Amino acid sequence: MKLFSFWRSLATYRVRIALNLKGLTPDEVIEVNLVQGHQRDPKYRAVNPMMSLPALVDGDGPALFESLAIVEYLDEAYPNPPLLPKDLKARARVRGLAQIVAADSHPLIVPRVREYLAGQFKIDEAGVHTWCQHWHQAALSGLEQHLAGEADTGTYCHGEQVTLADICLASQIAGANFYKVDLAPYPTVRRIGETLARIDAFARAHPLKQPGAPTGA
């Protein structure tokens, strides 16, 4: 198994959590430095034409791509512990919570978007930072309303079992912390996040615990 990764990549953080929960350790972790633009190198573009992280190679065949697709692959290929409930509506709820993060918020703050805002529209660093804070807050607000107002919320996003939704919530919180977003207005999100942070699979996968991450952060 081979994982293409970068310490700050929130999408790769999601896959690392899933790997840890499944007790899987990649044989090789290949750094693709997003800050230095290595995702645009022809060698990596051959792995993932979208020039985004993560990518995962498991056995034969081309690399798998997109974090949610990779996590669901891992859940089907290595079914214990399961990351989705059995009930159909519960599965849809978990996927919906996950997509608030992975589809509605995170794509708007990734490096290629930040670079486009700065290069095409001449938005300064402070303006790009405000943009990123806005989309983090939008996702956190949506998550909070669902989690605080729905009976299916338990210790975790859905009941008493860690699911795909928790993996995505953890990545949302990590990103919010990078952009200094106050979590006080989102007490349910913060409570679940604090619980997840005490789980080894989440703690070991955290961006700041990865090779290349700044020390003392």
Protein backbone atom coordinates (compact mmCIF):
# COMPACT_ATOMS: atom_id res chain seq x y z
CA MET A 1 0.00 0.00 0.00
CA LYS A 2 1.30 3.43 -1.00
CA LEU A 3 -0.06 6.79 0.22
CA PHE A 4 0.64 10.12 -1.44
CA SER A 5 0.49 12.65 1.36
CA PHE A 6 1.39 16.08 2.73
CA TRP A 7 1.28 17.01 6.39
CA ARG A 8 -1.11 19.94 5.98
CA SER A 9 -3.53 18.21 3.60
CA LEU A 10 -6.86 17.91 5.41
CA ALA A 11 -8.14 15.40 2.88
CA THR A 12 -5.13 13.18 3.50
CA TYR A 13 -5.74 13.56 7.24
CA ARG A 14 -9.13 11.92 6.69
CA VAL A 15 -7.53 8.95 4.95
CA ARG A 16 -4.85 8.61 7.63
CA ILE A 17 -7.55 8.41 10.29
CA ALA A 18 -9.36 5.67 8.37
CA LEU A 19 -6.14 3.73 7.89
CA ASN A 20 -5.39 3.97 11.61
CA LEU A 21 -8.90 2.88 12.58
CA LYS A 22 -8.55 -0.14 10.29
CA GLY A 23 -5.12 -0.98 11.68
CA LEU A 24 -3.47 -0.43 8.29
CA THR A 25 -0.01 1.03 7.75
CA PRO A 26 1.10 2.04 4.25
CA ASP A 27 4.31 0.41 3.08
CA GLU A 28 5.33 3.74 1.58
CA VAL A 29 4.29 7.34 2.20
CA ILE A 30 5.29 9.71 -0.59
CA GLU A 31 5.33 13.42 0.18
CA VAL A 32 3.73 15.74 -2.36
CA ASN A 33 4.55 19.21 -1.06
CA LEU A 34 1.54 21.38 -1.86
CA VAL A 35 3.29 24.57 -0.71
CA GLN A 36 6.13 24.02 -3.16
CA GLY A 37 3.76 23.05 -5.97
CA HIS A 38 4.90 19.44 -6.30
CA GLN A 39 1.32 18.42 -7.10
CA ARG A 40 1.86 20.00 -10.53
CA ASP A 41 4.89 17.85 -11.34
CA PRO A 42 4.23 15.60 -14.37
CA LYS A 43 5.09 12.51 -12.34
CA TYR A 44 2.32 13.22 -9.82
CA ARG A 45 -0.12 14.43 -12.49
CA ALA A 46 0.16 10.93 -13.95
CA VAL A 47 -1.00 9.60 -10.58
CA ASN A 48 -3.83 12.11 -10.10
CA PRO A 49 -4.67 14.44 -13.02
CA MET A 50 -6.56 16.77 -10.65
CA MET A 51 -3.24 17.46 -8.91
CA SER A 52 -4.81 17.08 -5.50
CA LEU A 53 -4.22 14.91 -2.47
CA PRO A 54 -4.57 12.23 -1.33
CA ALA A 55 -3.96 9.30 -3.64
CA LEU A 56 -3.71 5.70 -2.51
CA VAL A 57 -2.38 2.64 -4.29
CA ASP A 58 -3.51 -0.65 -2.80
CA GLY A 59 -2.18 -3.61 -4.73
CA ASP A 60 -2.52 -3.65 -8.51
CA GLY A 61 -4.21 -1.03 -10.63
CA PRO A 62 -4.23 2.76 -10.76
CA ALA A 63 -4.23 5.02 -7.73
CA LEU A 64 -7.46 5.68 -5.89
CA PHE A 65 -8.32 9.36 -5.46
CA GLU A 66 -10.66 11.69 -3.54
CA SER A 67 -10.69 11.22 0.22
CA LEU A 68 -14.29 10.07 0.69
CA ALA A 69 -14.00 7.54 -2.12
CA ILE A 70 -10.77 6.22 -0.60
CA VAL A 71 -12.28 5.97 2.89
CA GLU A 72 -15.32 4.12 1.58
CA TYR A 73 -13.03 1.77 -0.38
CA LEU A 74 -11.09 1.05 2.80
CA ASP A 75 -14.35 0.44 4.63
CA GLU A 76 -15.47 -2.09 2.04
CA ALA A 77 -12.09 -3.77 1.58
CA TYR A 78 -11.29 -3.87 5.31
CA PRO A 79 -14.74 -3.92 6.96
CA ASN A 80 -13.75 -3.87 10.65
CA PRO A 81 -14.48 -1.62 12.35
CA PRO A 82 -17.25 -0.33 10.06
CA LEU A 83 -17.30 3.39 9.32
CA LEU A 84 -20.90 3.55 8.13
CA PRO A 85 -24.07 2.42 9.96
CA LYS A 86 -26.12 -0.46 8.57
CA ASP A 87 -29.43 1.44 8.37
CA LEU A 88 -29.91 3.14 5.00
CA LYS A 89 -31.12 6.48 6.35
CA ALA A 90 -28.40 6.49 8.96
CA ARG A 91 -25.82 5.90 6.22
CA ALA A 92 -27.26 8.78 4.25
CA ARG A 93 -27.11 11.06 7.30
CA VAL A 94 -23.47 10.15 7.97
CA ARG A 95 -22.57 10.72 4.33
CA GLY A 96 -24.42 14.04 4.34
CA LEU A 97 -22.55 15.28 7.40
CA ALA A 98 -19.29 14.18 5.80
CA GLN A 99 -20.08 16.00 2.57
CA ILE A 100 -20.76 19.29 4.36
CA VAL A 101 -17.04 19.19 5.02
CA ALA A 102 -15.59 17.39 2.03
CA ALA A 103 -17.88 18.78 -0.69
CA ASP A 104 -19.33 22.09 0.53
CA SER A 105 -16.45 23.67 2.48
CA HIS A 106 -13.02 22.14 2.01
CA PRO A 107 -12.87 22.47 -1.82
CA LEU A 108 -13.23 26.25 -1.44
CA ILE A 109 -10.10 26.70 0.68
CA VAL A 110 -7.58 24.34 -0.93
CA PRO A 111 -4.26 25.70 -2.31
CA ARG A 112 -5.39 25.95 -5.94
CA VAL A 113 -8.35 28.13 -4.92
CA ARG A 114 -6.25 30.33 -2.65
CA GLU A 115 -3.66 30.72 -5.39
CA TYR A 116 -6.35 31.64 -7.94
CA LEU A 117 -7.87 34.24 -5.66
CA ALA A 118 -4.47 35.83 -5.13
CA GLY A 119 -3.20 35.55 -8.70
CA GLN A 120 -6.34 36.21 -10.76
CA PHE A 121 -8.21 38.63 -8.51
CA LYS A 122 -5.23 40.15 -6.65
CA ILE A 123 -6.74 39.42 -3.25
CA ASP A 124 -4.14 39.97 -0.57
CA GLU A 125 -3.17 37.46 2.12
CA ALA A 126 -5.57 38.96 4.66
CA GLY A 127 -8.42 38.75 2.18
CA VAL A 128 -7.70 35.12 1.33
CA HIS A 129 -7.54 34.35 5.06
CA THR A 130 -10.97 35.96 5.54
CA TRP A 131 -12.33 33.93 2.62
CA CYS A 132 -11.12 30.70 4.23
CA GLN A 133 -12.52 31.65 7.63
CA HIS A 134 -15.92 32.34 6.05
CA TRP A 135 -16.22 28.89 4.47
CA HIS A 136 -15.00 27.16 7.61
CA GLN A 137 -17.63 29.02 9.62
CA ALA A 138 -20.34 28.13 7.11
CA ALA A 139 -19.55 24.42 7.45
CA LEU A 140 -19.23 24.56 11.22
CA SER A 141 -22.59 26.34 11.48
CA GLY A 142 -24.29 23.71 9.34
CA LEU A 143 -22.72 20.87 11.27
CA GLU A 144 -23.65 22.43 14.60
CA GLN A 145 -27.30 22.81 13.64
CA HIS A 146 -27.53 19.20 12.53
CA LEU A 147 -25.60 17.75 15.44
CA ALA A 148 -27.24 19.83 18.16
CA GLY A 149 -30.76 19.47 16.82
CA GLU A 150 -31.02 15.83 15.73
CA ALA A 151 -31.72 12.88 18.01
CA ASP A 152 -29.30 10.58 16.18
CA THR A 153 -26.33 12.53 17.51
CA GLY A 154 -24.65 10.77 20.40
CA THR A 155 -21.15 10.68 21.79
CA TYR A 156 -20.11 10.91 18.16
CA CYS A 157 -21.72 12.47 15.11
CA HIS A 158 -24.03 9.47 14.77
CA GLY A 159 -24.70 7.53 17.92
CA GLU A 160 -21.98 5.69 19.79
CA GLN A 161 -19.84 4.52 16.87
CA VAL A 162 -17.11 6.46 15.08
CA THR A 163 -18.15 6.97 11.47
CA LEU A 164 -17.11 8.72 8.30
CA ALA A 165 -18.82 11.83 9.64
CA ASP A 166 -16.46 11.97 12.62
CA ILE A 167 -13.45 11.59 10.34
CA CYS A 168 -14.62 14.61 8.35
CA LEU A 169 -15.53 16.62 11.44
CA ALA A 170 -12.01 16.13 12.80
CA SER A 171 -10.53 17.47 9.57
CA GLN A 172 -12.87 20.46 9.65
CA ILE A 173 -11.74 21.32 13.17
CA ALA A 174 -8.08 20.99 12.21
CA GLY A 175 -8.61 23.35 9.28
CA ALA A 176 -10.54 25.80 11.44
CA ASN A 177 -7.64 25.85 13.88
CA PHE A 178 -5.21 26.57 11.04
CA TYR A 179 -7.28 29.66 10.18
CA LYS A 180 -7.87 30.67 13.79
CA VAL A 181 -11.65 30.20 13.66
CA ASP A 182 -13.26 30.43 17.10
CA LEU A 183 -15.06 27.19 17.90
CA ALA A 184 -17.00 28.63 20.85
CA PRO A 185 -20.17 29.21 18.76
CA TYR A 186 -20.24 25.50 17.87
CA PRO A 187 -20.35 23.67 21.23
CA THR A 188 -21.58 20.31 19.91
CA VAL A 189 -18.94 20.25 17.19
CA ARG A 190 -16.31 21.17 19.76
CA ARG A 191 -17.50 18.49 22.22
CA ILE A 192 -17.33 15.74 19.63
CA GLY A 193 -14.00 17.02 18.36
CA GLU A 194 -12.51 16.91 21.84
CA THR A 195 -13.73 13.33 22.24
CA LEU A 196 -12.21 12.31 18.92
CA ALA A 197 -8.89 13.95 19.76
CA ARG A 198 -8.51 11.49 22.65
CA ILE A 199 -8.73 8.50 20.29
CA ASP A 200 -5.29 7.26 19.26
CA ALA A 201 -6.23 6.74 15.61
CA PHE A 202 -7.21 10.40 15.34
CA ALA A 203 -4.35 11.76 17.44
CA ARG A 204 -1.65 9.94 15.44
CA ALA A 205 -3.15 11.09 12.15
CA HIS A 206 -3.27 14.80 13.06
CA PRO A 207 -1.50 17.07 10.57
CA LEU A 208 0.82 18.50 13.21
CA LYS A 209 2.03 14.97 14.07
CA GLN A 210 3.25 14.30 10.52
CA PRO A 211 6.77 14.54 9.07
CA GLY A 212 7.44 18.06 7.84
CA ALA A 213 4.92 19.73 10.13
CA PRO A 214 6.17 22.78 12.05
CA THR A 215 7.37 21.99 15.55
CA GLY A 216 5.93 23.77 18.54
CA ALA A 217 2.71 24.62 16.69
